[in-house]
Amino acid sequence: MFQKNDRDMYMFCIVLLIISSIGILINFNSITGSVILEETEIKSEFKFVEPEEISRSGALDSLMDAEDDIKELINSNLSVLFVNDVLLEAERNFIGESLDELKEEVREEIGLKKEYLEKLLRIGKETPSYDVEKQDYKGVFRLTQLIKFKKNQAFKIIDEISLIESKEESYRKSKIDTSEGFGDIRSS
């Protein structure tokens, strides 16, 4: 049925596809391109509130809180591509150009902070030189506040959709035809 050359070509293509897929999965720590820092209509509401004290320990706590925010989004089956990219950028802002300070902190800390610092150390080692950021704790706070804002925004949208659906149900019970109007809302 198949010529030997055809079979070889199909096998070659399948092997290439598998290798490409593995390459994509291995490179999980790179920014996917979902980070767009330009102002958009939905993002224009975000306002950075600079903390009174900008410190390394405060930035670390902020990163750990952002990680918890992302877990909440995951538990609610919401997309986290954008916030994962923002978190990676914030982590790189925390790590900076030298891993020495981070290595010292890993030796001194215990518990959850030590685990998180070890994760940051791995990220620092895996980060290509062209993606290394200057240490910027203010940037860490700005990016982690953006993650919290996006989480709150997502939950607010979910709540609003629930309210719209209940409103639609009450209109249907009143025999008001809402199919066209709510169809437009669903499609958007």
N, C-alpha and C. Protein backbone atom coordinates (compact mmCIF):
# COMPACT_ATOMS: atom_id res chain seq x y z
N MET A 1 0.83 -1.19 0.00
CA MET A 1 0.00 0.00 0.00
C MET A 1 0.87 1.25 0.00
N PHE A 2 1.70 1.43 1.05
CA PHE A 2 2.62 2.56 1.08
C PHE A 2 3.98 2.13 0.54
N GLN A 3 4.60 3.01 -0.14
CA GLN A 3 5.98 2.78 -0.56
C GLN A 3 6.89 2.92 0.66
N LYS A 4 8.05 2.33 0.60
CA LYS A 4 9.00 2.45 1.70
C LYS A 4 9.37 3.91 1.96
N ASN A 5 9.52 4.69 0.91
CA ASN A 5 9.86 6.12 1.05
C ASN A 5 8.74 6.89 1.74
N ASP A 6 7.48 6.56 1.40
CA ASP A 6 6.35 7.23 2.03
C ASP A 6 6.31 6.93 3.52
N ARG A 7 6.53 5.66 3.87
CA ARG A 7 6.52 5.27 5.27
C ARG A 7 7.64 5.97 6.04
N ASP A 8 8.81 6.02 5.44
CA ASP A 8 9.94 6.69 6.07
C ASP A 8 9.65 8.17 6.28
N MET A 9 9.01 8.80 5.29
CA MET A 9 8.68 10.23 5.39
C MET A 9 7.67 10.46 6.52
N TYR A 10 6.65 9.60 6.62
CA TYR A 10 5.67 9.73 7.70
C TYR A 10 6.33 9.53 9.07
N MET A 11 7.20 8.56 9.17
CA MET A 11 7.90 8.33 10.44
C MET A 11 8.78 9.53 10.80
N PHE A 12 9.46 10.07 9.81
CA PHE A 12 10.30 11.25 10.04
C PHE A 12 9.46 12.42 10.54
N CYS A 13 8.30 12.65 9.92
CA CYS A 13 7.42 13.75 10.33
C CYS A 13 6.90 13.54 11.75
N ILE A 14 6.53 12.32 12.08
CA ILE A 14 6.01 12.03 13.42
C ILE A 14 7.10 12.25 14.47
N VAL A 15 8.31 11.79 14.19
CA VAL A 15 9.43 11.99 15.11
C VAL A 15 9.71 13.48 15.30
N LEU A 16 9.69 14.23 14.21
CA LEU A 16 9.90 15.68 14.28
C LEU A 16 8.83 16.35 15.12
N LEU A 17 7.58 15.93 14.95
CA LEU A 17 6.46 16.48 15.72
C LEU A 17 6.64 16.19 17.21
N ILE A 18 7.06 14.98 17.54
CA ILE A 18 7.26 14.61 18.94
C ILE A 18 8.40 15.42 19.55
N ILE A 19 9.50 15.56 18.82
CA ILE A 19 10.63 16.35 19.32
C ILE A 19 10.23 17.80 19.53
N SER A 20 9.46 18.36 18.60
CA SER A 20 9.00 19.75 18.74
C SER A 20 8.13 19.91 19.97
N SER A 21 7.23 18.95 20.19
CA SER A 21 6.34 19.02 21.35
C SER A 21 7.13 18.95 22.65
N ILE A 22 8.11 18.08 22.70
CA ILE A 22 8.94 17.98 23.90
C ILE A 22 9.71 19.27 24.13
N GLY A 23 10.21 19.87 23.06
CA GLY A 23 10.93 21.14 23.17
C GLY A 23 10.06 22.24 23.75
N ILE A 24 8.81 22.28 23.35
CA ILE A 24 7.88 23.29 23.87
C ILE A 24 7.62 23.05 25.35
N LEU A 25 7.42 21.79 25.73
CA LEU A 25 7.13 21.48 27.13
C LEU A 25 8.33 21.76 28.04
N ILE A 26 9.52 21.52 27.55
CA ILE A 26 10.71 21.74 28.37
C ILE A 26 10.93 23.23 28.62
N ASN A 27 10.60 24.06 27.66
CA ASN A 27 10.86 25.50 27.76
C ASN A 27 9.70 26.21 28.45
N PHE A 28 9.21 25.65 29.57
CA PHE A 28 8.04 26.19 30.26
C PHE A 28 8.29 27.52 30.94
N ASN A 29 9.52 27.88 31.21
CA ASN A 29 9.81 29.06 32.01
C ASN A 29 10.05 30.32 31.19
N SER A 30 9.71 30.28 29.92
CA SER A 30 9.92 31.48 29.12
C SER A 30 8.61 32.24 28.97
N ILE A 31 8.71 33.52 28.76
CA ILE A 31 7.53 34.35 28.61
C ILE A 31 6.86 34.00 27.30
N THR A 32 5.54 33.77 27.33
CA THR A 32 4.83 33.28 26.15
C THR A 32 4.42 34.37 25.19
N GLY A 33 4.62 35.59 25.53
CA GLY A 33 4.19 36.67 24.65
C GLY A 33 2.85 37.22 25.07
N SER A 34 2.26 36.65 26.11
CA SER A 34 0.97 37.14 26.57
C SER A 34 1.11 38.43 27.38
N VAL A 35 2.33 38.77 27.75
CA VAL A 35 2.53 39.99 28.52
C VAL A 35 2.53 41.17 27.56
N ILE A 36 1.54 42.00 27.68
CA ILE A 36 1.45 43.21 26.88
C ILE A 36 1.29 44.35 27.86
N LEU A 37 2.30 45.19 27.94
CA LEU A 37 2.28 46.23 28.95
C LEU A 37 1.69 47.53 28.44
N GLU A 38 1.21 47.55 27.20
CA GLU A 38 0.58 48.75 26.70
C GLU A 38 -0.78 48.91 27.36
N GLU A 39 -1.24 50.15 27.43
CA GLU A 39 -2.54 50.41 28.03
C GLU A 39 -3.65 49.85 27.13
N THR A 40 -4.57 49.13 27.72
CA THR A 40 -5.75 48.68 27.01
C THR A 40 -6.95 49.14 27.82
N GLU A 41 -8.09 49.05 27.21
CA GLU A 41 -9.29 49.56 27.88
C GLU A 41 -9.54 48.83 29.19
N ILE A 42 -9.41 47.51 29.18
CA ILE A 42 -9.71 46.75 30.39
C ILE A 42 -8.62 46.95 31.45
N LYS A 43 -7.38 47.24 31.02
CA LYS A 43 -6.27 47.38 31.96
C LYS A 43 -6.14 48.81 32.48
N SER A 44 -6.82 49.74 31.85
CA SER A 44 -6.64 51.14 32.21
C SER A 44 -7.10 51.44 33.64
N GLU A 45 -7.86 50.53 34.25
CA GLU A 45 -8.31 50.74 35.62
C GLU A 45 -7.20 50.49 36.64
N PHE A 46 -6.16 49.78 36.24
CA PHE A 46 -5.10 49.42 37.18
C PHE A 46 -4.29 50.64 37.56
N LYS A 47 -4.14 50.83 38.85
CA LYS A 47 -3.33 51.93 39.38
C LYS A 47 -2.36 51.33 40.39
N PHE A 48 -1.09 51.57 40.17
CA PHE A 48 -0.06 51.09 41.09
C PHE A 48 -0.02 51.99 42.31
N VAL A 49 -0.11 51.37 43.48
CA VAL A 49 -0.01 52.09 44.75
C VAL A 49 1.33 51.70 45.37
N GLU A 50 2.24 52.65 45.39
CA GLU A 50 3.57 52.37 45.91
C GLU A 50 3.50 52.15 47.42
N PRO A 51 4.05 51.03 47.91
CA PRO A 51 4.04 50.79 49.35
C PRO A 51 4.92 51.80 50.08
N GLU A 52 4.59 52.02 51.35
CA GLU A 52 5.38 52.97 52.15
C GLU A 52 6.83 52.53 52.25
N GLU A 53 7.04 51.24 52.43
CA GLU A 53 8.40 50.72 52.57
C GLU A 53 8.64 49.69 51.47
N ILE A 54 9.65 49.93 50.67
CA ILE A 54 10.02 48.98 49.62
C ILE A 54 11.26 48.24 50.10
N SER A 55 11.07 46.96 50.43
CA SER A 55 12.18 46.17 50.96
C SER A 55 12.21 44.81 50.26
N ARG A 56 13.32 44.14 50.41
CA ARG A 56 13.48 42.81 49.81
C ARG A 56 12.50 41.82 50.43
N SER A 57 12.36 41.86 51.75
CA SER A 57 11.45 40.91 52.41
C SER A 57 10.00 41.20 52.03
N GLY A 58 9.65 42.48 51.90
CA GLY A 58 8.30 42.84 51.46
C GLY A 58 8.04 42.38 50.04
N ALA A 59 9.05 42.50 49.18
CA ALA A 59 8.91 42.05 47.80
C ALA A 59 8.74 40.53 47.74
N LEU A 60 9.48 39.81 48.59
CA LEU A 60 9.35 38.36 48.64
C LEU A 60 7.95 37.96 49.10
N ASP A 61 7.45 38.61 50.14
CA ASP A 61 6.09 38.34 50.61
C ASP A 61 5.07 38.62 49.51
N SER A 62 5.29 39.69 48.77
CA SER A 62 4.40 40.06 47.68
C SER A 62 4.40 39.00 46.58
N LEU A 63 5.57 38.45 46.28
CA LEU A 63 5.67 37.37 45.29
C LEU A 63 4.91 36.13 45.75
N MET A 64 5.07 35.80 47.02
CA MET A 64 4.39 34.61 47.56
C MET A 64 2.87 34.81 47.55
N ASP A 65 2.41 36.04 47.85
CA ASP A 65 0.98 36.33 47.77
C ASP A 65 0.48 36.21 46.34
N ALA A 66 1.27 36.68 45.38
CA ALA A 66 0.89 36.59 43.97
C ALA A 66 0.77 35.13 43.55
N GLU A 67 1.66 34.30 44.05
CA GLU A 67 1.59 32.86 43.76
C GLU A 67 0.27 32.29 44.28
N ASP A 68 -0.15 32.71 45.48
CA ASP A 68 -1.43 32.26 46.03
C ASP A 68 -2.60 32.77 45.18
N ASP A 69 -2.51 34.01 44.69
CA ASP A 69 -3.55 34.55 43.82
C ASP A 69 -3.70 33.71 42.56
N ILE A 70 -2.58 33.29 42.00
CA ILE A 70 -2.61 32.47 40.79
C ILE A 70 -3.22 31.11 41.09
N LYS A 71 -2.92 30.54 42.26
CA LYS A 71 -3.52 29.26 42.64
C LYS A 71 -5.04 29.39 42.74
N GLU A 72 -5.52 30.52 43.25
CA GLU A 72 -6.97 30.76 43.32
C GLU A 72 -7.58 30.78 41.92
N LEU A 73 -6.90 31.42 40.99
CA LEU A 73 -7.39 31.47 39.61
C LEU A 73 -7.42 30.07 39.00
N ILE A 74 -6.38 29.30 39.25
CA ILE A 74 -6.32 27.93 38.73
C ILE A 74 -7.45 27.09 39.33
N ASN A 75 -7.68 27.22 40.64
CA ASN A 75 -8.75 26.47 41.30
C ASN A 75 -10.13 26.85 40.77
N SER A 76 -10.24 28.04 40.20
CA SER A 76 -11.51 28.48 39.62
C SER A 76 -11.57 28.21 38.12
N ASN A 77 -10.62 27.44 37.62
CA ASN A 77 -10.55 27.08 36.20
C ASN A 77 -10.47 28.28 35.28
N LEU A 78 -9.72 29.29 35.68
CA LEU A 78 -9.53 30.48 34.86
C LEU A 78 -8.15 30.45 34.22
N SER A 79 -8.02 31.12 33.10
CA SER A 79 -6.75 31.18 32.39
C SER A 79 -5.72 31.96 33.20
N VAL A 80 -4.51 31.44 33.24
CA VAL A 80 -3.45 32.09 34.00
C VAL A 80 -2.23 32.40 33.14
N LEU A 81 -2.36 32.34 31.83
CA LEU A 81 -1.21 32.61 30.96
C LEU A 81 -0.63 33.99 31.22
N PHE A 82 -1.48 34.99 31.20
CA PHE A 82 -1.01 36.37 31.38
C PHE A 82 -0.38 36.56 32.75
N VAL A 83 -1.07 36.13 33.81
CA VAL A 83 -0.54 36.35 35.16
C VAL A 83 0.71 35.52 35.42
N ASN A 84 0.83 34.35 34.79
CA ASN A 84 2.07 33.58 34.93
C ASN A 84 3.25 34.33 34.31
N ASP A 85 3.01 34.95 33.17
CA ASP A 85 4.07 35.75 32.53
C ASP A 85 4.44 36.95 33.40
N VAL A 86 3.44 37.58 33.97
CA VAL A 86 3.70 38.73 34.84
C VAL A 86 4.47 38.28 36.08
N LEU A 87 4.08 37.14 36.65
CA LEU A 87 4.79 36.62 37.83
C LEU A 87 6.25 36.30 37.49
N LEU A 88 6.49 35.69 36.34
CA LEU A 88 7.86 35.38 35.95
C LEU A 88 8.68 36.66 35.83
N GLU A 89 8.09 37.69 35.25
CA GLU A 89 8.80 38.97 35.15
C GLU A 89 9.08 39.55 36.54
N ALA A 90 8.10 39.45 37.44
CA ALA A 90 8.29 39.95 38.81
C ALA A 90 9.40 39.17 39.52
N GLU A 91 9.39 37.85 39.33
CA GLU A 91 10.44 37.03 39.96
C GLU A 91 11.82 37.41 39.43
N ARG A 92 11.90 37.66 38.14
CA ARG A 92 13.19 38.07 37.56
C ARG A 92 13.61 39.44 38.07
N ASN A 93 12.64 40.32 38.32
CA ASN A 93 12.95 41.63 38.92
C ASN A 93 13.48 41.45 40.34
N PHE A 94 12.96 40.47 41.05
CA PHE A 94 13.41 40.20 42.42
C PHE A 94 14.82 39.61 42.41
N ILE A 95 15.05 38.65 41.53
CA ILE A 95 16.33 37.95 41.48
C ILE A 95 17.47 38.89 41.10
N GLY A 96 17.26 39.66 40.06
CA GLY A 96 18.30 40.57 39.61
C GLY A 96 19.39 39.87 38.82
N GLU A 97 20.54 40.52 38.75
CA GLU A 97 21.64 40.03 37.91
C GLU A 97 22.58 39.07 38.64
N SER A 98 22.56 39.05 39.95
CA SER A 98 23.47 38.20 40.72
C SER A 98 22.66 37.25 41.61
N LEU A 99 23.09 36.00 41.63
CA LEU A 99 22.40 34.99 42.44
C LEU A 99 23.01 34.85 43.84
N ASP A 100 24.09 35.58 44.11
CA ASP A 100 24.79 35.43 45.39
C ASP A 100 23.90 35.74 46.59
N GLU A 101 23.19 36.85 46.53
CA GLU A 101 22.31 37.25 47.64
C GLU A 101 21.22 36.20 47.85
N LEU A 102 20.70 35.68 46.76
CA LEU A 102 19.65 34.66 46.82
C LEU A 102 20.18 33.37 47.44
N LYS A 103 21.38 32.97 47.06
CA LYS A 103 21.98 31.75 47.62
C LYS A 103 22.16 31.89 49.13
N GLU A 104 22.58 33.07 49.58
CA GLU A 104 22.77 33.33 51.00
C GLU A 104 21.43 33.23 51.75
N GLU A 105 20.38 33.81 51.16
CA GLU A 105 19.06 33.75 51.80
C GLU A 105 18.55 32.33 51.89
N VAL A 106 18.80 31.51 50.87
CA VAL A 106 18.36 30.11 50.89
C VAL A 106 19.01 29.39 52.07
N ARG A 107 20.26 29.70 52.35
CA ARG A 107 20.96 29.06 53.49
C ARG A 107 20.37 29.50 54.83
N GLU A 108 19.90 30.75 54.91
CA GLU A 108 19.45 31.30 56.19
C GLU A 108 17.98 31.03 56.49
N GLU A 109 17.13 30.97 55.49
CA GLU A 109 15.68 30.85 55.69
C GLU A 109 15.28 29.41 56.00
N ILE A 110 14.06 29.28 56.54
CA ILE A 110 13.47 27.97 56.79
C ILE A 110 12.02 28.00 56.32
N GLY A 111 11.44 26.83 56.15
CA GLY A 111 10.01 26.71 55.85
C GLY A 111 9.65 27.11 54.43
N LEU A 112 8.45 27.70 54.31
CA LEU A 112 7.91 28.06 53.00
C LEU A 112 8.77 29.09 52.27
N LYS A 113 9.31 30.04 53.01
CA LYS A 113 10.16 31.05 52.37
C LYS A 113 11.39 30.40 51.76
N LYS A 114 11.97 29.43 52.45
CA LYS A 114 13.15 28.74 51.92
C LYS A 114 12.78 28.02 50.63
N GLU A 115 11.62 27.33 50.62
CA GLU A 115 11.18 26.62 49.42
C GLU A 115 10.99 27.60 48.26
N TYR A 116 10.38 28.74 48.55
CA TYR A 116 10.14 29.72 47.49
C TYR A 116 11.46 30.31 47.00
N LEU A 117 12.38 30.58 47.90
CA LEU A 117 13.68 31.10 47.51
C LEU A 117 14.45 30.09 46.66
N GLU A 118 14.30 28.80 46.99
CA GLU A 118 14.94 27.76 46.17
C GLU A 118 14.34 27.75 44.76
N LYS A 119 13.03 27.95 44.68
CA LYS A 119 12.38 28.04 43.37
C LYS A 119 12.93 29.24 42.59
N LEU A 120 13.07 30.38 43.27
CA LEU A 120 13.62 31.57 42.62
C LEU A 120 15.06 31.33 42.16
N LEU A 121 15.81 30.60 42.95
CA LEU A 121 17.19 30.28 42.58
C LEU A 121 17.22 29.43 41.30
N ARG A 122 16.31 28.45 41.22
CA ARG A 122 16.21 27.64 40.00
C ARG A 122 15.85 28.51 38.79
N ILE A 123 14.89 29.42 39.00
CA ILE A 123 14.50 30.33 37.91
C ILE A 123 15.69 31.18 37.49
N GLY A 124 16.43 31.68 38.46
CA GLY A 124 17.59 32.50 38.16
C GLY A 124 18.64 31.75 37.35
N LYS A 125 18.83 30.47 37.68
CA LYS A 125 19.82 29.66 36.96
C LYS A 125 19.34 29.33 35.55
N GLU A 126 18.01 29.15 35.38
CA GLU A 126 17.45 28.78 34.08
C GLU A 126 17.22 29.97 33.16
N THR A 127 17.26 31.17 33.71
CA THR A 127 16.96 32.36 32.91
C THR A 127 18.10 32.64 31.93
N PRO A 128 17.78 32.74 30.64
CA PRO A 128 18.82 33.09 29.66
C PRO A 128 19.35 34.49 29.94
N SER A 129 20.59 34.73 29.58
CA SER A 129 21.23 36.01 29.91
C SER A 129 20.49 37.21 29.33
N TYR A 130 19.85 37.04 28.18
CA TYR A 130 19.13 38.17 27.57
C TYR A 130 17.81 38.48 28.28
N ASP A 131 17.35 37.59 29.16
CA ASP A 131 16.11 37.83 29.92
C ASP A 131 16.38 38.26 31.36
N VAL A 132 17.63 38.37 31.74
CA VAL A 132 17.97 38.78 33.10
C VAL A 132 17.57 40.25 33.29
N GLU A 133 16.89 40.53 34.40
CA GLU A 133 16.43 41.88 34.70
C GLU A 133 17.31 42.49 35.79
N LYS A 134 17.34 43.79 35.85
CA LYS A 134 18.00 44.46 36.98
C LYS A 134 17.11 44.30 38.20
N GLN A 135 17.73 44.22 39.36
CA GLN A 135 16.96 44.07 40.59
C GLN A 135 16.11 45.32 40.80
N ASP A 136 14.79 45.11 40.95
CA ASP A 136 13.86 46.23 41.04
C ASP A 136 12.69 45.83 41.92
N TYR A 137 12.80 46.11 43.22
CA TYR A 137 11.74 45.72 44.15
C TYR A 137 10.45 46.50 43.90
N LYS A 138 10.57 47.75 43.49
CA LYS A 138 9.38 48.54 43.16
C LYS A 138 8.65 47.88 41.98
N GLY A 139 9.42 47.38 41.02
CA GLY A 139 8.84 46.65 39.89
C GLY A 139 8.13 45.39 40.34
N VAL A 140 8.70 44.71 41.34
CA VAL A 140 8.07 43.50 41.89
C VAL A 140 6.71 43.86 42.46
N PHE A 141 6.65 44.94 43.25
CA PHE A 141 5.38 45.36 43.85
C PHE A 141 4.37 45.75 42.77
N ARG A 142 4.83 46.46 41.74
CA ARG A 142 3.93 46.88 40.66
C ARG A 142 3.34 45.66 39.95
N LEU A 143 4.18 44.69 39.63
CA LEU A 143 3.73 43.51 38.89
C LEU A 143 2.84 42.61 39.75
N THR A 144 3.17 42.46 41.04
CA THR A 144 2.32 41.62 41.89
C THR A 144 0.98 42.29 42.16
N GLN A 145 0.97 43.62 42.23
CA GLN A 145 -0.31 44.33 42.35
C GLN A 145 -1.15 44.13 41.08
N LEU A 146 -0.49 44.08 39.93
CA LEU A 146 -1.20 43.83 38.67
C LEU A 146 -1.83 42.44 38.68
N ILE A 147 -1.12 41.46 39.22
CA ILE A 147 -1.67 40.10 39.32
C ILE A 147 -2.90 40.10 40.22
N LYS A 148 -2.81 40.75 41.38
CA LYS A 148 -3.97 40.82 42.28
C LYS A 148 -5.14 41.53 41.60
N PHE A 149 -4.84 42.61 40.87
CA PHE A 149 -5.88 43.34 40.15
C PHE A 149 -6.56 42.43 39.13
N LYS A 150 -5.77 41.67 38.36
CA LYS A 150 -6.33 40.77 37.34
C LYS A 150 -7.17 39.67 37.99
N LYS A 151 -6.72 39.17 39.14
CA LYS A 151 -7.51 38.15 39.84
C LYS A 151 -8.85 38.73 40.28
N ASN A 152 -8.82 39.90 40.91
CA ASN A 152 -10.06 40.54 41.36
C ASN A 152 -10.97 40.86 40.17
N GLN A 153 -10.36 41.31 39.09
CA GLN A 153 -11.12 41.64 37.88
C GLN A 153 -11.81 40.38 37.32
N ALA A 154 -11.10 39.26 37.30
CA ALA A 154 -11.67 38.02 36.78
C ALA A 154 -12.85 37.57 37.63
N PHE A 155 -12.70 37.64 38.96
CA PHE A 155 -13.80 37.23 39.83
C PHE A 155 -14.98 38.20 39.72
N LYS A 156 -14.70 39.47 39.51
CA LYS A 156 -15.77 40.45 39.34
C LYS A 156 -16.56 40.15 38.06
N ILE A 157 -15.86 39.80 37.00
CA ILE A 157 -16.52 39.47 35.73
C ILE A 157 -17.38 38.22 35.90
N ILE A 158 -16.86 37.22 36.61
CA ILE A 158 -17.64 36.00 36.85
C ILE A 158 -18.91 36.34 37.62
N ASP A 159 -18.79 37.19 38.65
CA ASP A 159 -19.97 37.59 39.42
C ASP A 159 -20.98 38.33 38.54
N GLU A 160 -20.49 39.22 37.68
CA GLU A 160 -21.39 39.98 36.81
C GLU A 160 -22.10 39.06 35.82
N ILE A 161 -21.39 38.06 35.31
CA ILE A 161 -22.02 37.10 34.39
C ILE A 161 -23.12 36.34 35.12
N SER A 162 -22.87 35.95 36.37
CA SER A 162 -23.90 35.25 37.15
C SER A 162 -25.13 36.13 37.35
N LEU A 163 -24.90 37.41 37.64
CA LEU A 163 -26.03 38.33 37.82
C LEU A 163 -26.82 38.49 36.52
N ILE A 164 -26.11 38.59 35.41
CA ILE A 164 -26.79 38.74 34.11
C ILE A 164 -27.61 37.49 33.81
N GLU A 165 -27.05 36.32 34.09
CA GLU A 165 -27.79 35.08 33.84
C GLU A 165 -29.04 34.99 34.71
N SER A 166 -28.95 35.39 35.98
CA SER A 166 -30.14 35.35 36.84
C SER A 166 -31.17 36.38 36.39
N LYS A 167 -30.70 37.52 35.92
CA LYS A 167 -31.61 38.55 35.40
C LYS A 167 -32.32 38.03 34.15
N GLU A 168 -31.57 37.34 33.29
CA GLU A 168 -32.16 36.76 32.09
C GLU A 168 -33.23 35.74 32.46
N GLU A 169 -32.94 34.93 33.47
CA GLU A 169 -33.91 33.93 33.91
C GLU A 169 -35.19 34.58 34.41
N SER A 170 -35.05 35.67 35.17
CA SER A 170 -36.26 36.36 35.66
C SER A 170 -37.04 36.98 34.50
N TYR A 171 -36.35 37.47 33.48
CA TYR A 171 -37.05 38.01 32.30
C TYR A 171 -37.79 36.89 31.57
N ARG A 172 -37.18 35.73 31.46
CA ARG A 172 -37.84 34.61 30.79
C ARG A 172 -39.10 34.19 31.54
N LYS A 173 -39.02 34.20 32.87
CA LYS A 173 -40.20 33.84 33.66
C LYS A 173 -41.32 34.85 33.46
N SER A 174 -40.93 36.10 33.19
CA SER A 174 -41.93 37.15 32.92
C SER A 174 -42.36 37.15 31.45
N LYS A 175 -41.88 36.15 30.69
CA LYS A 175 -42.20 35.99 29.27
C LYS A 175 -41.71 37.16 28.42
N ILE A 176 -40.57 37.72 28.78
CA ILE A 176 -39.94 38.77 27.98
C ILE A 176 -38.87 38.10 27.13
N ASP A 177 -38.91 38.35 25.81
CA ASP A 177 -37.95 37.73 24.90
C ASP A 177 -36.61 38.47 24.99
N THR A 178 -35.62 37.77 25.51
CA THR A 178 -34.29 38.37 25.66
C THR A 178 -33.25 37.65 24.82
N SER A 179 -33.69 36.75 23.96
CA SER A 179 -32.74 35.91 23.24
C SER A 179 -31.73 36.71 22.42
N GLU A 180 -32.17 37.76 21.76
CA GLU A 180 -31.26 38.53 20.92
C GLU A 180 -30.26 39.34 21.76
N GLY A 181 -30.74 40.02 22.77
CA GLY A 181 -29.87 40.85 23.61
C GLY A 181 -28.86 40.04 24.39
N PHE A 182 -29.32 38.97 25.05
CA PHE A 182 -28.40 38.16 25.84
C PHE A 182 -27.52 37.29 24.96
N GLY A 183 -27.97 37.00 23.74
CA GLY A 183 -27.11 36.30 22.78
C GLY A 183 -25.91 37.14 22.44
N ASP A 184 -26.13 38.47 22.28
CA ASP A 184 -25.02 39.38 22.00
C ASP A 184 -24.05 39.43 23.17
N ILE A 185 -24.58 39.43 24.38
CA ILE A 185 -23.72 39.47 25.57
C ILE A 185 -22.88 38.21 25.66
N ARG A 186 -23.50 37.05 25.41
CA ARG A 186 -22.76 35.79 25.48
C ARG A 186 -21.65 35.73 24.43
N SER A 187 -21.95 36.23 23.24
CA SER A 187 -20.94 36.17 22.18
C SER A 187 -19.76 37.09 22.46
N SER A 188 -19.98 38.14 23.25
CA SER A 188 -18.86 39.03 23.56
C SER A 188 -18.11 38.49 24.74
